């Protein structure tokens, strides 16, 4: 069956799904595979539960005329998403970067939906499966799409751009993240700027932070829209403060966000610039930004008993650790504590980067620093303010006995550390 026929079947369905534990009624089920599962085995179950069609790539499971047999289910999903996107007459903005992608995406969405029926990537479904699933959620009722793209190796962003065919792009920043896959910091830059090269090749536009020299250099010659504090940019924004929440100004309108840390200022600024570029009034942009409340362990502020918690435990890398520690050190607080967990996917640089972050934390004006995990526990630095634990279990046994009070506490680590569990002992 060709892509045109599959698309005809898709248009008869409510949506696409990849898991029979979802409500599959009137849906198109895709039998995706992983290291430990084979979706083909559940195709018949999907149909029995009410799915209209099931896309499979193993002939042994082709037992129903509602089965659609293809060579590769994943490739079919991606091809169908591109085919659908080509038929959508709406602008799509794609964004990637090392840090702040999901927060920035949510801010952009919060602003754009003040004017448009806008769909944005749900959660962080930003990979080779999540991007096509998001595109296939777009309908003729939508007026704008915001697609987040993640990557941990070369050519991944290029492939996602070939599926989503964005009209606009934005790269949040370049950091020492996924070094295991990218190989080096330069490899990160090369991988992320695949978006620039795709947009340039198709005559599309890119939003660029004028204060990021790497962005400026790598987007040279492109059709770009500049924002930042410089006088010669298209959209000028002005940082006011961040103690703890970011305040900024645009077009003589002051915006009081619910995001902490001056590192979030740029995330807000690009959302403001994008909103203004698409004709949204400054007062409406203000409403969108101020209504956004961070969640899912990303820069959340929680007041628990006498303590204020900065919960930023969704993920971590050396760059995001640096700015989080710097932000904590600058806050007006009587007692400051950092609970830091291991950073993953750093390859050969892991030991060096954990040592550097431990040293940075010790040089900041923090009262106590808890370092948790196999990598942090191996760091050589020792002083009275640092306590190391090889595992979370060892940490929690002692932490619960400390009776910490009247403190501002930063909790940050890579997702695999699940450091939000610390809240149970506060």
Protein backbone atom coordinates (compact mmCIF):
# COMPACT_ATOMS: atom_id res chain seq x y z
CA UNK A 1 0.00 0.00 0.00
CA UNK A 2 1.40 3.40 -1.00
CA UNK A 3 1.64 6.49 1.18
CA UNK A 4 -1.38 8.08 -0.56
CA UNK A 5 -3.59 5.14 0.34
CA UNK A 6 -2.23 5.03 3.89
CA UNK A 7 -2.96 8.75 4.19
CA UNK A 8 -6.55 8.14 3.09
CA UNK A 9 -6.85 5.59 5.93
CA UNK A 10 -5.24 8.04 8.36
CA UNK A 11 -7.84 10.71 7.54
CA UNK A 12 -10.58 8.28 8.58
CA UNK A 13 -9.04 7.99 12.05
CA UNK A 14 -9.34 10.09 15.17
CA UNK A 15 -5.57 10.10 15.75
CA UNK A 16 -2.48 7.89 15.64
CA UNK A 17 -1.32 5.82 18.64
CA UNK A 18 1.62 3.57 19.44
CA UNK A 19 0.48 1.90 22.65
CA UNK A 20 -2.55 -0.35 23.17
CA UNK A 21 -2.77 0.88 26.75
CA UNK A 22 -4.06 4.17 25.32
CA UNK A 23 -7.63 4.65 24.15
CA UNK A 24 -7.25 3.27 20.62
CA UNK A 25 -10.87 3.53 19.51
CA UNK A 26 -11.15 4.93 15.96
CA UNK A 27 -7.36 5.38 15.85
CA UNK A 28 -4.53 4.23 13.59
CA UNK A 29 -2.14 2.03 15.57
CA UNK A 30 1.56 1.94 14.64
CA UNK A 31 3.40 -1.25 15.66
CA UNK A 32 6.69 0.35 16.64
CA UNK A 33 9.59 -1.72 17.92
CA UNK A 34 12.18 -1.21 20.64
CA UNK A 35 15.01 -3.13 22.25
CA UNK A 36 12.61 -4.99 24.54
CA UNK A 37 9.26 -4.88 22.73
CA UNK A 38 7.65 -5.59 19.37
CA UNK A 39 4.50 -3.60 18.65
CA UNK A 40 3.47 -6.05 15.93
CA UNK A 41 2.48 -8.48 18.65
CA UNK A 42 -0.20 -6.05 19.86
CA UNK A 43 -1.68 -5.10 16.48
CA UNK A 44 -4.57 -7.58 16.77
CA UNK A 45 -5.24 -6.36 20.32
CA UNK A 46 -5.41 -2.76 19.02
CA UNK A 47 -8.03 -3.74 16.44
CA UNK A 48 -9.99 -5.72 19.03
CA UNK A 49 -10.05 -2.60 21.22
CA UNK A 50 -11.51 -0.49 18.44
CA UNK A 51 -8.62 0.78 16.34
CA UNK A 52 -9.63 1.32 12.72
CA UNK A 53 -6.26 0.28 11.28
CA UNK A 54 -3.00 -1.24 12.48
CA UNK A 55 0.28 -0.61 10.67
CA UNK A 56 2.63 -3.62 10.88
CA UNK A 57 5.89 -4.70 9.25
CA UNK A 58 5.92 -8.45 9.98
CA UNK A 59 3.78 -10.54 7.63
CA UNK A 60 3.05 -13.20 10.25
CA UNK A 61 0.72 -10.72 11.99
CA UNK A 62 -1.19 -9.80 8.81
CA UNK A 63 -4.39 -11.61 9.85
CA UNK A 64 -7.04 -8.93 9.30
CA UNK A 65 -8.01 -6.75 6.34
CA UNK A 66 -7.59 -3.74 8.62
CA UNK A 67 -3.87 -4.52 8.92
CA UNK A 68 -1.59 -2.31 6.78
CA UNK A 69 1.62 -4.19 5.98
CA UNK A 70 4.65 -1.97 5.27
CA UNK A 71 8.41 -2.51 5.03
CA UNK A 72 9.23 -0.48 8.15
CA UNK A 73 6.65 0.88 10.59
CA UNK A 74 8.88 3.69 11.89
CA UNK A 75 9.73 4.89 8.39
CA UNK A 76 6.04 4.72 7.47
CA UNK A 77 5.18 6.88 10.49
CA UNK A 78 7.80 9.44 9.50
CA UNK A 79 6.81 9.42 5.81
CA UNK A 80 3.15 9.83 6.73
CA UNK A 81 3.97 12.75 9.02
CA UNK A 82 5.89 14.53 6.27
CA UNK A 83 3.15 13.82 3.73
CA UNK A 84 0.60 15.29 6.14
CA UNK A 85 2.78 18.30 6.94
CA UNK A 86 3.14 19.07 3.20
CA UNK A 87 -0.64 19.39 3.02
CA UNK A 88 -0.94 21.75 6.00
CA UNK A 89 -1.05 25.38 4.98
CA UNK A 90 0.24 26.70 8.32
CA UNK A 91 3.59 28.04 9.60
CA UNK A 92 5.68 25.67 11.67
CA UNK A 93 8.42 26.84 14.01
CA UNK A 94 11.02 24.29 15.09
CA UNK A 95 13.39 24.72 18.01
CA UNK A 96 16.33 22.80 19.38
CA UNK A 97 19.33 23.52 21.62
CA UNK A 98 21.29 22.12 24.54
CA UNK A 99 19.31 23.69 27.39
CA UNK A 100 15.87 25.19 27.88
CA UNK A 101 14.12 23.67 24.86
CA UNK A 102 10.95 22.54 26.59
CA UNK A 103 10.58 25.67 28.73
CA UNK A 104 11.12 27.87 25.67
CA UNK A 105 8.64 25.84 23.65
CA UNK A 106 6.03 26.24 26.37
CA UNK A 107 6.64 29.99 26.57
CA UNK A 108 6.35 30.39 22.79
CA UNK A 109 3.14 28.38 22.85
CA UNK A 110 1.77 30.47 25.74
CA UNK A 111 2.31 33.61 23.68
CA UNK A 112 1.20 32.38 20.26
CA UNK A 113 -2.06 30.92 21.54
CA UNK A 114 -3.11 34.46 22.53
CA UNK A 115 -3.77 34.95 18.81
CA UNK A 116 -3.62 31.59 17.03
CA UNK A 117 -5.06 28.10 17.38
CA UNK A 118 -1.57 26.78 18.08
CA UNK A 119 -0.39 23.22 18.70
CA UNK A 120 2.96 22.59 20.40
CA UNK A 121 4.90 19.43 21.13
CA UNK A 122 3.42 17.67 24.15
CA UNK A 123 5.93 17.27 26.98
CA UNK A 124 9.30 16.43 25.47
CA UNK A 125 8.16 14.21 22.56
CA UNK A 126 11.02 15.62 20.54
CA UNK A 127 12.73 12.65 18.89
CA UNK A 128 12.37 10.56 15.70
CA UNK A 129 9.06 9.19 17.03
CA UNK A 130 7.72 12.17 18.97
CA UNK A 131 8.13 14.69 16.14
CA UNK A 132 6.06 12.69 13.61
CA UNK A 133 3.43 11.91 16.26
CA UNK A 134 3.12 15.64 16.99
CA UNK A 135 2.85 16.52 13.30
CA UNK A 136 0.10 13.94 12.84
CA UNK A 137 -1.82 15.62 15.66
CA UNK A 138 -2.05 18.84 13.66
CA UNK A 139 -5.39 19.35 11.91
CA UNK A 140 -6.87 21.81 9.44
CA UNK A 141 -8.24 23.72 12.45
CA UNK A 142 -4.76 24.62 13.65
CA UNK A 143 -3.18 27.90 12.57
CA UNK A 144 0.35 27.39 13.92
CA UNK A 145 2.64 24.54 14.97
CA UNK A 146 5.59 24.64 17.41
CA UNK A 147 7.82 21.58 17.17
CA UNK A 148 10.57 20.79 19.68
CA UNK A 149 13.52 18.75 18.38
CA UNK A 150 16.05 16.90 20.52
CA UNK A 151 19.24 15.18 19.44
CA UNK A 152 22.19 13.29 20.91
CA UNK A 153 24.17 12.61 17.72
CA UNK A 154 24.96 14.05 14.31
CA UNK A 155 22.32 14.21 11.52
CA UNK A 156 19.42 13.75 13.94
CA UNK A 157 18.23 17.38 13.68
CA UNK A 158 18.66 17.24 9.91
CA UNK A 159 16.39 14.18 9.70
CA UNK A 160 13.75 15.78 11.94
CA UNK A 161 13.78 18.94 9.82
CA UNK A 162 13.24 16.82 6.70
CA UNK A 163 10.10 15.43 8.35
CA UNK A 164 8.72 18.66 9.87
CA UNK A 165 9.76 21.05 7.08
CA UNK A 166 9.82 24.11 9.38
CA UNK A 167 9.28 27.65 8.12
CA UNK A 168 11.06 29.18 11.13
CA UNK A 169 13.71 27.92 13.53
CA UNK A 170 15.39 28.76 16.80
CA UNK A 171 18.35 27.27 18.69
CA UNK A 172 18.25 28.05 22.41
CA UNK A 173 22.00 27.64 23.02
CA UNK A 174 24.99 25.33 22.64
CA UNK A 175 26.30 23.46 25.68
CA UNK A 176 28.44 20.55 26.78
CA UNK A 177 25.61 18.03 26.61
CA UNK A 178 25.36 14.55 25.04
CA UNK A 179 29.12 14.63 24.53
CA UNK A 180 29.09 10.85 24.40
CA UNK A 181 27.12 11.01 21.14
CA UNK A 182 28.33 14.32 19.67
CA UNK A 183 31.98 13.69 20.57
CA UNK A 184 32.88 17.24 21.56
CA UNK A 185 31.50 20.73 22.11
CA UNK A 186 32.20 21.53 18.46
CA UNK A 187 30.28 18.38 17.61
CA UNK A 188 27.31 19.74 19.58
CA UNK A 189 27.42 22.98 17.60
CA UNK A 190 27.70 21.11 14.31
CA UNK A 191 24.76 18.87 15.21
CA UNK A 192 22.43 21.61 16.44
CA UNK A 193 23.17 23.95 13.52
CA UNK A 194 21.90 21.32 11.11
CA UNK A 195 18.66 23.27 11.65
CA UNK A 196 20.31 26.44 10.31
CA UNK A 197 21.58 24.63 7.25
CA UNK A 198 18.16 23.11 6.50
CA UNK A 199 16.39 26.46 6.86
CA UNK A 200 18.99 28.26 4.74
CA UNK A 201 18.74 25.65 1.98
CA UNK A 202 14.99 26.19 1.77
CA UNK A 203 14.98 29.98 2.07
CA UNK A 204 13.34 29.97 5.50
CA UNK A 205 13.84 32.25 8.52
CA UNK A 206 15.57 31.87 11.86
CA UNK A 207 15.23 33.71 15.18
CA UNK A 208 18.65 34.53 16.63
CA UNK A 209 19.75 35.76 20.06
CA UNK A 210 22.02 38.69 19.20
CA UNK A 211 23.92 38.22 22.48
CA UNK A 212 24.99 34.66 21.58
CA UNK A 213 28.09 34.99 19.41
CA UNK A 214 27.95 31.38 18.25
CA UNK A 215 24.39 31.85 17.03
CA UNK A 216 25.37 35.07 15.29
CA UNK A 217 28.39 33.50 13.61
CA UNK A 218 26.67 30.31 12.49
CA UNK A 219 23.57 32.12 11.14
CA UNK A 220 25.57 34.68 9.16
CA UNK A 221 24.03 35.29 5.74
CA UNK A 222 20.69 33.74 6.68
CA UNK A 223 17.29 35.41 6.65
CA UNK A 224 17.33 36.02 10.39
CA UNK A 225 15.22 37.87 12.94
CA UNK A 226 17.35 39.27 15.77
CA UNK A 227 16.29 39.86 19.36
CA UNK A 228 18.11 40.91 22.52
CA UNK A 229 19.43 43.98 24.30
CA UNK A 230 21.36 45.40 21.33
CA UNK A 231 20.08 48.60 19.72
CA UNK A 232 20.15 47.31 16.14
CA UNK A 233 17.99 44.21 16.67
CA UNK A 234 14.48 43.69 15.31
CA UNK A 235 12.99 43.18 18.79
CA UNK A 236 14.72 44.80 21.76
CA UNK A 237 14.17 43.34 25.21
CA UNK A 238 15.55 44.48 28.55
CA UNK A 239 16.39 42.35 31.59
CA UNK A 240 15.33 43.90 34.90
CA UNK A 241 15.92 41.36 37.68
CA UNK A 242 15.68 37.75 38.83
CA UNK A 243 15.29 37.45 42.60
CA UNK A 244 13.94 34.92 42.32
CA UNK A 245 11.56 35.45 39.37
CA UNK A 246 12.61 37.01 36.08
CA UNK A 247 11.32 40.50 35.32
CA UNK A 248 11.91 42.01 31.90
CA UNK A 249 10.67 44.83 29.71
CA UNK A 250 9.54 44.98 26.10
CA UNK A 251 7.97 47.88 24.23
CA UNK A 252 7.57 49.81 27.52
CA UNK A 253 5.60 46.91 29.02
CA UNK A 254 7.01 45.23 32.15
CA UNK A 255 6.63 41.46 32.29
CA UNK A 256 6.78 39.61 35.63
CA UNK A 257 7.33 35.93 34.89
CA UNK A 258 6.98 32.92 37.17
CA UNK A 259 10.38 31.60 36.08
CA UNK A 260 13.49 31.78 38.24
CA UNK A 261 17.06 32.55 37.21
CA UNK A 262 18.49 35.07 34.78
CA UNK A 263 19.23 32.10 32.50
CA UNK A 264 15.50 31.98 31.78
CA UNK A 265 15.50 35.58 30.55
CA UNK A 266 16.57 34.57 27.03
CA UNK A 267 13.88 31.89 26.93
CA UNK A 268 11.30 34.56 27.72
CA UNK A 269 12.85 37.10 25.36
CA UNK A 270 12.60 34.85 22.31
CA UNK A 271 8.95 34.07 23.09
CA UNK A 272 8.32 37.81 23.29
CA UNK A 273 10.14 38.40 19.97
CA UNK A 274 8.26 35.60 18.21
CA UNK A 275 4.94 36.91 19.49
CA UNK A 276 5.75 40.43 18.34
CA UNK A 277 6.95 39.20 14.94
CA UNK A 278 3.60 37.52 14.37
CA UNK A 279 1.65 40.65 15.28
CA UNK A 280 0.69 40.00 18.90
CA UNK A 281 0.36 43.14 21.03
CA UNK A 282 2.82 43.61 23.90
CA UNK A 283 0.00 43.54 26.46
CA UNK A 284 -1.18 40.17 25.12
CA UNK A 285 2.38 38.84 25.12
CA UNK A 286 2.62 39.90 28.77
CA UNK A 287 -0.53 37.93 29.61
CA UNK A 288 0.85 34.81 27.92
CA UNK A 289 4.22 34.93 29.68
CA UNK A 290 2.81 35.76 33.10
CA UNK A 291 0.26 32.93 32.90
CA UNK A 292 2.93 30.29 32.33
CA UNK A 293 3.83 28.28 35.44
CA UNK A 294 6.74 25.81 35.21
CA UNK A 295 6.06 22.19 36.13
CA UNK A 296 7.41 18.65 35.71
CA UNK A 297 10.49 19.28 37.90
CA UNK A 298 11.68 22.15 35.68
CA UNK A 299 12.66 25.29 37.65
CA UNK A 300 9.73 24.82 40.00
CA UNK A 301 9.53 26.88 43.18
CA UNK A 302 8.04 24.93 46.09
CA UNK A 303 7.59 26.18 49.65
CA UNK A 304 7.75 23.24 52.06
CA UNK A 305 7.51 24.06 55.75
CA UNK A 306 10.12 26.76 56.32
CA UNK A 307 12.18 25.88 53.24
CA UNK A 308 12.02 27.23 49.69
CA UNK A 309 12.84 24.54 47.11
CA UNK A 310 14.15 25.15 43.60
CA UNK A 311 13.22 21.85 41.97
CA UNK A 312 15.13 21.53 38.70
CA UNK A 313 15.56 17.77 38.63
CA UNK A 314 14.19 16.98 35.17
CA UNK A 315 17.65 16.97 33.62
CA UNK A 316 21.17 18.34 33.97
CA UNK A 317 24.40 18.90 32.08
CA UNK A 318 27.49 20.99 32.88
CA UNK A 319 26.06 24.21 31.42
CA UNK A 320 22.70 23.99 33.14
CA UNK A 321 24.45 23.08 36.40
CA UNK A 322 26.65 26.16 36.12
CA UNK A 323 23.78 28.61 35.69
CA UNK A 324 21.65 26.94 38.36
CA UNK A 325 24.46 27.15 40.92
CA UNK A 326 25.21 30.74 39.91
CA UNK A 327 21.54 31.66 40.30
CA UNK A 328 21.37 30.09 43.76
CA UNK A 329 24.49 31.95 44.86
CA UNK A 330 22.98 35.31 43.84
CA UNK A 331 19.61 34.86 45.54
CA UNK A 332 18.73 36.81 48.66
CA UNK A 333 18.45 34.00 51.21
CA UNK A 334 19.70 33.34 54.74
CA UNK A 335 20.88 29.79 54.09
CA UNK A 336 21.60 28.22 50.69
CA UNK A 337 21.94 24.49 50.05
CA UNK A 338 22.65 22.61 46.81
CA UNK A 339 21.62 18.99 46.36
CA UNK A 340 23.35 17.92 43.14
CA UNK A 341 23.18 14.54 41.41
CA UNK A 342 25.21 12.95 38.64
CA UNK A 343 25.12 14.22 35.05
CA UNK A 344 24.85 11.51 32.40
CA UNK A 345 25.96 11.02 28.76
CA UNK A 346 29.20 12.97 29.12
CA UNK A 347 31.46 10.21 27.77
CA UNK A 348 35.18 10.62 28.37
CA UNK A 349 34.63 14.11 29.81
CA UNK A 350 32.46 12.86 32.67
CA UNK A 351 35.16 12.84 35.36
CA UNK A 352 36.50 16.25 34.40
CA UNK A 353 33.05 17.86 34.23
CA UNK A 354 31.88 16.49 37.59
CA UNK A 355 35.13 17.68 39.17
CA UNK A 356 34.64 21.14 37.64
CA UNK A 357 31.04 21.47 38.83
CA UNK A 358 32.00 20.33 42.34
CA UNK A 359 34.72 22.97 42.40
CA UNK A 360 32.36 25.65 41.10
CA UNK A 361 29.79 24.84 43.78
CA UNK A 362 32.40 24.96 46.53
CA UNK A 363 33.56 28.41 45.37
CA UNK A 364 30.01 29.80 45.47
CA UNK A 365 28.59 31.28 48.66
CA UNK A 366 26.64 28.15 49.57
CA UNK A 367 26.27 26.87 53.12
CA UNK A 368 26.10 23.18 52.27
CA UNK A 369 26.58 21.06 49.13
CA UNK A 370 25.36 17.48 48.84
CA UNK A 371 26.92 15.58 45.91
CA UNK A 372 25.09 12.36 45.02
CA UNK A 373 25.95 9.56 42.63
CA UNK A 374 28.82 7.43 41.41
CA UNK A 375 30.49 10.25 39.46
CA UNK A 376 30.18 13.05 42.01
CA UNK A 377 31.29 10.76 44.85
CA UNK A 378 34.59 10.17 43.01
CA UNK A 379 35.48 13.86 42.80
CA UNK A 380 38.66 14.77 44.65
CA UNK A 381 37.55 18.06 46.16
CA UNK A 382 36.91 18.03 49.90
CA UNK A 383 35.97 20.79 52.34
CA UNK A 384 33.63 21.36 55.26
CA UNK A 385 30.70 22.40 53.08
CA UNK A 386 30.70 19.32 50.80
CA UNK A 387 29.23 15.93 51.66
CA UNK A 388 29.35 13.10 49.08
CA UNK A 389 27.17 10.02 48.71
CA UNK A 390 27.71 7.23 46.15
CA UNK A 391 23.96 6.55 45.93
CA UNK A 392 20.62 8.17 46.66
CA UNK A 393 19.87 5.49 49.26
CA UNK A 394 22.92 6.47 51.31
CA UNK A 395 22.07 10.15 50.93
CA UNK A 396 18.44 9.85 52.03
CA UNK A 397 19.28 7.89 55.19
CA UNK A 398 21.37 10.78 56.50
CA UNK A 399 19.49 13.67 54.90
CA UNK A 400 16.23 12.89 56.67
CA UNK A 401 17.98 13.23 60.02
CA UNK A 402 19.38 16.72 59.36
CA UNK A 403 16.12 18.61 60.02
CA UNK A 404 16.92 21.36 57.52
CA UNK A 405 14.94 24.56 58.14
CA UNK A 406 14.76 28.15 56.84
CA UNK A 407 16.83 27.33 53.77
CA UNK A 408 16.71 27.82 50.00
CA UNK A 409 17.52 24.45 48.45
CA UNK A 410 18.46 23.75 44.84
CA UNK A 411 17.76 20.17 43.70
CA UNK A 412 19.32 19.34 40.34
CA UNK A 413 20.51 16.22 38.50
CA UNK A 414 20.08 14.20 35.32
CA UNK A 415 16.71 12.50 34.88
CA UNK A 416 18.05 9.07 35.73
CA UNK A 417 18.88 10.19 39.27
CA UNK A 418 15.19 10.96 40.01
CA UNK A 419 16.39 13.49 42.58
CA UNK A 420 12.90 14.85 43.12
CA UNK A 421 12.64 12.01 45.65
CA UNK A 422 14.48 14.36 48.01
CA UNK A 423 11.19 16.17 48.62
CA UNK A 424 9.97 13.19 50.61
CA UNK A 425 12.57 13.94 53.31
CA UNK A 426 11.87 17.66 53.66
